[in-house]
PDB file of N, CA and C in Angstrom:
ATOM      1  N   MET A   1      61.660  80.441  87.805  1.00  0.00           N
ATOM      2  CA  MET A   1      60.337  81.140  86.992  1.00  0.00           C
ATOM      3  C   MET A   1      59.596  79.924  86.870  1.00  0.00           C
ATOM      4  N   SER A   2      58.496  80.119  86.712  1.00  0.00           N
ATOM      5  CA  SER A   2      57.133  79.370  86.682  1.00  0.00           C
ATOM      6  C   SER A   2      57.061  78.682  85.172  1.00  0.00           C
ATOM      7  N   ASP A   3      56.541  78.032  84.698  1.00  0.00           N
ATOM      8  CA  ASP A   3      56.209  77.476  83.546  1.00  0.00           C
ATOM      9  C   ASP A   3      54.995  77.877  83.333  1.00  0.00           C
ATOM     10  N   CYS A   4      55.329  78.743  81.997  1.00  0.00           N
ATOM     11  CA  CYS A   4      53.864  79.344  81.135  1.00  0.00           C
ATOM     12  C   CYS A   4      53.742  78.466  80.229  1.00  0.00           C
ATOM     13  N   LYS A   5      52.364  78.499  79.830  1.00  0.00           N
ATOM     14  CA  LYS A   5      51.817  77.596  78.714  1.00  0.00           C
ATOM     15  C   LYS A   5      51.467  78.444  77.388  1.00  0.00           C
ATOM     16  N   ILE A   6      52.024  80.016  77.552  1.00  0.00           N
ATOM     17  CA  ILE A   6      51.718  80.782  76.591  1.00  0.00           C
ATOM     18  C   ILE A   6      52.820  80.797  75.665  1.00  0.00           C
ATOM     19  N   ASP A   7      52.885  80.827  74.173  1.00  0.00           N
ATOM     20  CA  ASP A   7      54.111  81.011  73.298  1.00  0.00           C
ATOM     21  C   ASP A   7      53.967  82.381  73.170  1.00  0.00           C
ATOM     22  N   HIS A   8      54.961  83.050  73.305  1.00  0.00           N
ATOM     23  CA  HIS A   8      55.367  84.226  72.712  1.00  0.00           C
ATOM     24  C   HIS A   8      55.860  84.487  71.774  1.00  0.00           C
ATOM     25  N   THR A   9      55.311  85.751  70.883  1.00  0.00           N
ATOM     26  CA  THR A   9      55.693  85.919  69.424  1.00  0.00           C
ATOM     27  C   THR A   9      56.946  86.468  69.580  1.00  0.00           C
ATOM     28  N   PRO A  10      57.566  87.120  68.484  1.00  0.00           N
ATOM     29  CA  PRO A  10      58.698  87.871  68.621  1.00  0.00           C
ATOM     30  C   PRO A  10      58.171  89.208  68.690  1.00  0.00           C
ATOM     31  N   GLU A  11      57.200  89.479  68.391  1.00  0.00           N
ATOM     32  CA  GLU A  11      56.698  90.955  69.034  1.00  0.00           C
ATOM     33  C   GLU A  11      56.517  91.128  70.503  1.00  0.00           C
ATOM     34  N   ASP A  12      55.659  90.311  70.917  1.00  0.00           N
ATOM     35  CA  ASP A  12      55.699  90.015  72.312  1.00  0.00           C
ATOM     36  C   ASP A  12      56.974  90.252  73.051  1.00  0.00           C
ATOM     37  N   VAL A  13      58.322  89.798  72.583  1.00  0.00           N
ATOM     38  CA  VAL A  13      59.518  89.648  73.115  1.00  0.00           C
ATOM     39  C   VAL A  13      60.113  91.266  73.160  1.00  0.00           C
ATOM     40  N   LYS A  14      60.040  91.674  71.985  1.00  0.00           N
ATOM     41  CA  LYS A  14      60.486  92.901  71.463  1.00  0.00           C
ATOM     42  C   LYS A  14      59.778  94.018  72.647  1.00  0.00           C
ATOM     43  N   SER A  15      58.238  93.901  72.480  1.00  0.00           N
ATOM     44  CA  SER A  15      57.575  94.758  73.640  1.00  0.00           C
ATOM     45  C   SER A  15      58.031  94.854  74.631  1.00  0.00           C
ATOM     46  N   LYS A  16      58.221  93.572  75.666  1.00  0.00           N
ATOM     47  CA  LYS A  16      58.716  93.162  76.752  1.00  0.00           C
ATOM     48  C   LYS A  16      59.986  93.807  77.001  1.00  0.00           C
ATOM     49  N   TYR A  17      61.323  93.782  75.644  1.00  0.00           N
ATOM     50  CA  TYR A  17      62.374  94.040  75.725  1.00  0.00           C
ATOM     51  C   TYR A  17      62.084  95.828  76.053  1.00  0.00           C
ATOM     52  N   GLU A  18      61.259  96.222  75.298  1.00  0.00           N
ATOM     53  CA  GLU A  18      61.144  97.862  75.125  1.00  0.00           C
ATOM     54  C   GLU A  18      60.990  98.473  76.406  1.00  0.00           C
ATOM     55  N   SER A  19      60.176  97.758  77.218  1.00  0.00           N
ATOM     56  CA  SER A  19      59.038  98.194  78.172  1.00  0.00           C
ATOM     57  C   SER A  19      60.350  97.834  79.580  1.00  0.00           C
ATOM     58  N   GLN A  20      61.513  97.145  79.506  1.00  0.00           N
ATOM     59  CA  GLN A  20      62.403  96.941  80.207  1.00  0.00           C
ATOM     60  C   GLN A  20      63.677  97.265  79.794  1.00  0.00           C
ATOM     61  N   SER A  21      64.001  97.736  78.940  1.00  0.00           N
ATOM     62  CA  SER A  21      65.279  98.330  78.340  1.00  0.00           C
ATOM     63  C   SER A  21      66.039  99.223  79.346  1.00  0.00           C
ATOM     64  N   ALA A  22      65.287  99.830  79.886  1.00  0.00           N
ATOM     65  CA  ALA A  22      65.909 101.221  80.814  1.00  0.00           C
ATOM     66  C   ALA A  22      66.882 100.575  82.245  1.00  0.00           C
ATOM     67  N   PHE A  23      66.192  99.337  82.411  1.00  0.00           N
ATOM     68  CA  PHE A  23      66.637  98.650  83.554  1.00  0.00           C
ATOM     69  C   PHE A  23      68.000  97.728  83.140  1.00  0.00           C
ATOM     70  N   LEU A  24      67.846  97.420  81.905  1.00  0.00           N
ATOM     71  CA  LEU A  24      68.869  96.430  81.438  1.00  0.00           C
ATOM     72  C   LEU A  24      70.381  97.030  81.423  1.00  0.00           C
ATOM     73  N   PRO A  25      71.572  96.211  81.401  1.00  0.00           N
ATOM     74  CA  PRO A  25      72.798  96.700  81.243  1.00  0.00           C
ATOM     75  C   PRO A  25      72.992  97.127  79.643  1.00  0.00           C
ATOM     76  N   GLU A  26      73.738  98.714  79.662  1.00  0.00           N
ATOM     77  CA  GLU A  26      73.791  98.950  78.414  1.00  0.00           C
ATOM     78  C   GLU A  26      74.602  98.150  77.333  1.00  0.00           C
ATOM     79  N   ASP A  27      75.394  97.278  77.924  1.00  0.00           N
ATOM     80  CA  ASP A  27      76.187  96.015  76.863  1.00  0.00           C
ATOM     81  C   ASP A  27      75.290  95.225  76.689  1.00  0.00           C
ATOM     82  N   MET A  28      74.371  94.751  76.946  1.00  0.00           N
ATOM     83  CA  MET A  28      73.272  93.793  76.623  1.00  0.00           C
ATOM     84  C   MET A  28      72.659  94.496  75.780  1.00  0.00           C
ATOM     85  N   LYS A  29      72.154  95.582  75.294  1.00  0.00           N
ATOM     86  CA  LYS A  29      71.479  96.161  74.229  1.00  0.00           C
ATOM     87  C   LYS A  29      71.746  96.116  73.066  1.00  0.00           C
ATOM     88  N   PRO A  30      73.330  95.912  72.343  1.00  0.00           N
ATOM     89  CA  PRO A  30      73.390  95.690  71.199  1.00  0.00           C
ATOM     90  C   PRO A  30      73.124  94.074  70.762  1.00  0.00           C
ATOM     91  N   LEU A  31      73.421  93.344  71.782  1.00  0.00           N
ATOM     92  CA  LEU A  31      73.123  91.789  71.848  1.00  0.00           C
ATOM     93  C   LEU A  31      71.733  91.616  71.343  1.00  0.00           C
ATOM     94  N   PHE A  32      70.701  92.518  72.106  1.00  0.00           N
ATOM     95  CA  PHE A  32      69.177  92.204  71.922  1.00  0.00           C
ATOM     96  C   PHE A  32      68.928  93.031  70.582  1.00  0.00           C
ATOM     97  N   ASP A  33      69.581  93.807  69.964  1.00  0.00           N
ATOM     98  CA  ASP A  33      69.313  94.667  68.628  1.00  0.00           C
ATOM     99  C   ASP A  33      70.031  93.349  67.375  1.00  0.00           C
ATOM    100  N   GLN A  34      70.761  92.634  67.437  1.00  0.00           N
ATOM    101  CA  GLN A  34      71.155  91.740  67.058  1.00  0.00           C
ATOM    102  C   GLN A  34      70.174  90.445  67.118  1.00  0.00           C
ATOM    103  N   PHE A  35      69.659  90.028  68.303  1.00  0.00           N
ATOM    104  CA  PHE A  35      68.681  89.143  68.414  1.00  0.00           C
ATOM    105  C   PHE A  35      67.719  89.283  67.725  1.00  0.00           C
ATOM    106  N   PHE A  36      66.965  90.659  67.774  1.00  0.00           N
ATOM    107  CA  PHE A  36      65.658  90.606  67.021  1.00  0.00           C
ATOM    108  C   PHE A  36      65.568  90.915  65.360  1.00  0.00           C
ATOM    109  N   LYS A  37      67.022  90.789  64.825  1.00  0.00           N
ATOM    110  CA  LYS A  37      67.155  90.553  63.421  1.00  0.00           C
ATOM    111  C   LYS A  37      67.167  88.944  62.940  1.00  0.00           C
ATOM    112  N   GLU A  38      67.104  88.472  63.935  1.00  0.00           N
ATOM    113  CA  GLU A  38      67.203  86.718  63.741  1.00  0.00           C
ATOM    114  C   GLU A  38      65.740  85.999  63.951  1.00  0.00           C
ATOM    115  N   GLU A  39      65.618  84.594  63.230  1.00  0.00           N
ATOM    116  CA  GLU A  39      64.726  83.992  63.771  1.00  0.00           C
ATOM    117  C   GLU A  39      64.919  83.127  64.746  1.00  0.00           C
ATOM    118  N   HIS A  40      64.040  82.817  65.765  1.00  0.00           N
ATOM    119  CA  HIS A  40      64.328  81.817  67.163  1.00  0.00           C
ATOM    120  C   HIS A  40      63.428  80.966  67.227  1.00  0.00           C
ATOM    121  N   THR A  41      63.735  79.925  68.069  1.00  0.00           N
ATOM    122  CA  THR A  41      63.124  78.775  68.476  1.00  0.00           C
ATOM    123  C   THR A  41      61.728  79.416  69.416  1.00  0.00           C
ATOM    124  N   GLN A  42      60.758  78.459  69.252  1.00  0.00           N
ATOM    125  CA  GLN A  42      59.691  79.122  70.587  1.00  0.00           C
ATOM    126  C   GLN A  42      60.372  79.053  71.865  1.00  0.00           C
ATOM    127  N   ASP A  43      61.010  78.190  71.952  1.00  0.00           N
ATOM    128  CA  ASP A  43      61.420  78.003  73.540  1.00  0.00           C
ATOM    129  C   ASP A  43      62.670  78.910  73.847  1.00  0.00           C
ATOM    130  N   ILE A  44      63.177  79.715  72.682  1.00  0.00           N
ATOM    131  CA  ILE A  44      64.359  80.891  72.772  1.00  0.00           C
ATOM    132  C   ILE A  44      63.248  81.911  73.159  1.00  0.00           C
ATOM    133  N   LEU A  45      62.471  82.166  72.458  1.00  0.00           N
ATOM    134  CA  LEU A  45      61.394  83.257  72.778  1.00  0.00           C
ATOM    135  C   LEU A  45      60.541  83.499  74.114  1.00  0.00           C
ATOM    136  N   ASN A  46      60.113  82.052  74.392  1.00  0.00           N
ATOM    137  CA  ASN A  46      59.482  82.155  75.622  1.00  0.00           C
ATOM    138  C   ASN A  46      60.629  82.209  76.819  1.00  0.00           C
ATOM    139  N   ASP A  47      61.714  81.642  76.662  1.00  0.00           N
ATOM    140  CA  ASP A  47      62.796  81.715  77.474  1.00  0.00           C
ATOM    141  C   ASP A  47      63.057  83.418  77.684  1.00  0.00           C
ATOM    142  N   VAL A  48      63.602  83.966  76.875  1.00  0.00           N
ATOM    143  CA  VAL A  48      63.815  85.701  76.757  1.00  0.00           C
ATOM    144  C   VAL A  48      62.453  86.454  77.302  1.00  0.00           C
ATOM    145  N   PHE A  49      61.453  86.287  77.004  1.00  0.00           N
ATOM    146  CA  PHE A  49      60.206  86.660  77.485  1.00  0.00           C
ATOM    147  C   PHE A  49      60.195  86.876  78.835  1.00  0.00           C
ATOM    148  N   HIS A  50      60.293  85.265  79.626  1.00  0.00           N
ATOM    149  CA  HIS A  50      60.087  85.414  80.825  1.00  0.00           C
ATOM    150  C   HIS A  50      61.416  85.999  81.586  1.00  0.00           C
ATOM    151  N   LEU A  51      62.473  85.986  81.147  1.00  0.00           N
ATOM    152  CA  LEU A  51      63.742  86.454  81.660  1.00  0.00           C
ATOM    153  C   LEU A  51      63.537  87.772  81.885  1.00  0.00           C
ATOM    154  N   LEU A  52      62.775  88.829  80.887  1.00  0.00           N
ATOM    155  CA  LEU A  52      62.611  90.012  80.972  1.00  0.00           C
ATOM    156  C   LEU A  52      61.580  90.473  81.835  1.00  0.00           C
ATOM    157  N   LYS A  53      60.507  89.371  81.857  1.00  0.00           N
ATOM    158  CA  LYS A  53      59.485  89.791  82.478  1.00  0.00           C
ATOM    159  C   LYS A  53      59.469  90.365  84.039  1.00  0.00           C
ATOM    160  N   LYS A  54      58.821  91.296  84.687  1.00  0.00           N
ATOM    161  CA  LYS A  54      59.247  92.317  85.796  1.00  0.00           C
ATOM    162  C   LYS A  54      60.425  92.125  86.088  1.00  0.00           C
ATOM    163  N   TYR A  55      61.732  92.448  84.995  1.00  0.00           N
ATOM    164  CA  TYR A  55      62.984  92.342  85.365  1.00  0.00           C
ATOM    165  C   TYR A  55      63.287  93.631  86.541  1.00  0.00           C
ATOM    166  N   ASP A  56      62.340  94.737  86.115  1.00  0.00           N
ATOM    167  CA  ASP A  56      62.571  95.826  86.907  1.00  0.00           C
ATOM    168  C   ASP A  56      62.198  95.744  88.436  1.00  0.00           C
ATOM    169  N   LEU A  57      61.694  94.972  88.917  1.00  0.00           N
ATOM    170  CA  LEU A  57      60.716  94.648  89.885  1.00  0.00           C
ATOM    171  C   LEU A  57      61.947  93.409  90.892  1.00  0.00           C
ATOM    172  N   VAL A  58      62.783  92.710  90.229  1.00  0.00           N
ATOM    173  CA  VAL A  58      63.270  91.556  90.931  1.00  0.00           C
ATOM    174  C   VAL A  58      64.355  91.986  91.389  1.00  0.00           C
ATOM    175  N   SER A  59      64.708  91.318  92.894  1.00  0.00           N
ATOM    176  CA  SER A  59      66.042  91.951  93.488  1.00  0.00           C
ATOM    177  C   SER A  59      67.270  91.695  92.798  1.00  0.00           C
ATOM    178  N   GLU A  60      68.383  92.458  93.479  1.00  0.00           N
ATOM    179  CA  GLU A  60      69.516  92.529  92.831  1.00  0.00           C
ATOM    180  C   GLU A  60      69.873  90.935  92.401  1.00  0.00           C
ATOM    181  N   ASP A  61      70.095  90.149  93.305  1.00  0.00           N
ATOM    182  CA  ASP A  61      70.357  89.029  93.097  1.00  0.00           C
ATOM    183  C   ASP A  61      69.570  88.187  92.074  1.00  0.00           C
ATOM    184  N   GLU A  62      68.277  88.205  91.803  1.00  0.00           N
ATOM    185  CA  GLU A  62      67.820  87.565  90.921  1.00  0.00           C
ATOM    186  C   GLU A  62      68.017  88.509  89.640  1.00  0.00           C
ATOM    187  N   ARG A  63      68.222  89.467  89.709  1.00  0.00           N
ATOM    188  CA  ARG A  63      69.088  90.240  88.266  1.00  0.00           C
ATOM    189  C   ARG A  63      70.062  89.682  87.682  1.00  0.00           C
ATOM    190  N   GLU A  64      70.820  89.510  88.656  1.00  0.00           N
ATOM    191  CA  GLU A  64      72.199  89.086  88.313  1.00  0.00           C
ATOM    192  C   GLU A  64      72.075  87.777  87.608  1.00  0.00           C
ATOM    193  N   ALA A  65      71.310  86.962  88.267  1.00  0.00           N
ATOM    194  CA  ALA A  65      70.886  85.422  87.363  1.00  0.00           C
ATOM    195  C   ALA A  65      70.414  85.786  86.244  1.00  0.00           C
ATOM    196  N   ARG A  66      69.424  86.411  85.993  1.00  0.00           N
ATOM    197  CA  ARG A  66      68.639  86.954  84.793  1.00  0.00           C
ATOM    198  C   ARG A  66      69.766  87.094  83.855  1.00  0.00           C
ATOM    199  N   ASN A  67      70.600  88.274  84.330  1.00  0.00           N
ATOM    200  CA  ASN A  67      71.725  88.452  83.214  1.00  0.00           C
ATOM    201  C   ASN A  67      72.552  87.617  82.619  1.00  0.00           C
ATOM    202  N   LYS A  68      72.780  86.770  83.625  1.00  0.00           N
ATOM    203  CA  LYS A  68      73.795  85.631  83.219  1.00  0.00           C
ATOM    204  C   LYS A  68      73.323  84.743  82.316  1.00  0.00           C
ATOM    205  N   ARG A  69      71.793  84.433  82.481  1.00  0.00           N
ATOM    206  CA  ARG A  69      70.859  83.561  81.628  1.00  0.00           C
ATOM    207  C   ARG A  69      70.945  84.389  80.006  1.00  0.00           C
ATOM    208  N   LEU A  70      70.284  85.565  80.148  1.00  0.00           N
ATOM    209  CA  LEU A  70      70.294  86.498  79.015  1.00  0.00           C
ATOM    210  C   LEU A  70      71.490  86.494  77.934  1.00  0.00           C
ATOM    211  N   TYR A  71      72.721  87.014  78.763  1.00  0.00           N
ATOM    212  CA  TYR A  71      74.069  86.931  78.306  1.00  0.00           C
ATOM    213  C   TYR A  71      74.232  85.516  77.208  1.00  0.00           C
ATOM    214  N   LEU A  72      74.174  84.373  78.290  1.00  0.00           N
ATOM    215  CA  LEU A  72      74.413  82.968  77.797  1.00  0.00           C
ATOM    216  C   LEU A  72      73.631  83.052  76.556  1.00  0.00           C
ATOM    217  N   VAL A  73      71.924  83.330  76.436  1.00  0.00           N
ATOM    218  CA  VAL A  73      71.050  82.938  75.326  1.00  0.00           C
ATOM    219  C   VAL A  73      71.673  84.057  74.273  1.00  0.00           C
ATOM    220  N   LEU A  74      71.576  85.237  74.721  1.00  0.00           N
ATOM    221  CA  LEU A  74      72.119  85.866  73.377  1.00  0.00           C
ATOM    222  C   LEU A  74      73.234  85.921  72.363  1.00  0.00           C
ATOM    223  N   LYS A  75      74.473  85.855  73.329  1.00  0.00           N
ATOM    224  CA  LYS A  75      75.359  85.661  72.622  1.00  0.00           C
ATOM    225  C   LYS A  75      75.751  84.181  71.668  1.00  0.00           C
ATOM    226  N   ASN A  76      74.865  83.187  72.151  1.00  0.00           N
ATOM    227  CA  ASN A  76      74.817  81.993  71.663  1.00  0.00           C
ATOM    228  C   ASN A  76      73.761  81.641  70.639  1.00  0.00           C
ATOM    229  N   VAL A  77      72.738  82.535  70.041  1.00  0.00           N
ATOM    230  CA  VAL A  77      71.717  82.449  69.037  1.00  0.00           C
ATOM    231  C   VAL A  77      72.330  82.886  67.695  1.00  0.00           C
TER     232      VAL A  77
END
């Protein structure tokens, strides 16, 4: 993923999640529910935003890689 100079707000991340949630694994959704109840560093917010960005358009291999990273972030915050 390319470096982005924009800091994404929690609202940006939630909006991006909502637009992509239909494409995410079902067992990931409760992790996002918990994620949005907590505060996070700017780095984490930006990382999650970019993992979700255009999630529906990426290849199956890219989706698997993003899922691994999302699970890692969501389970450890």
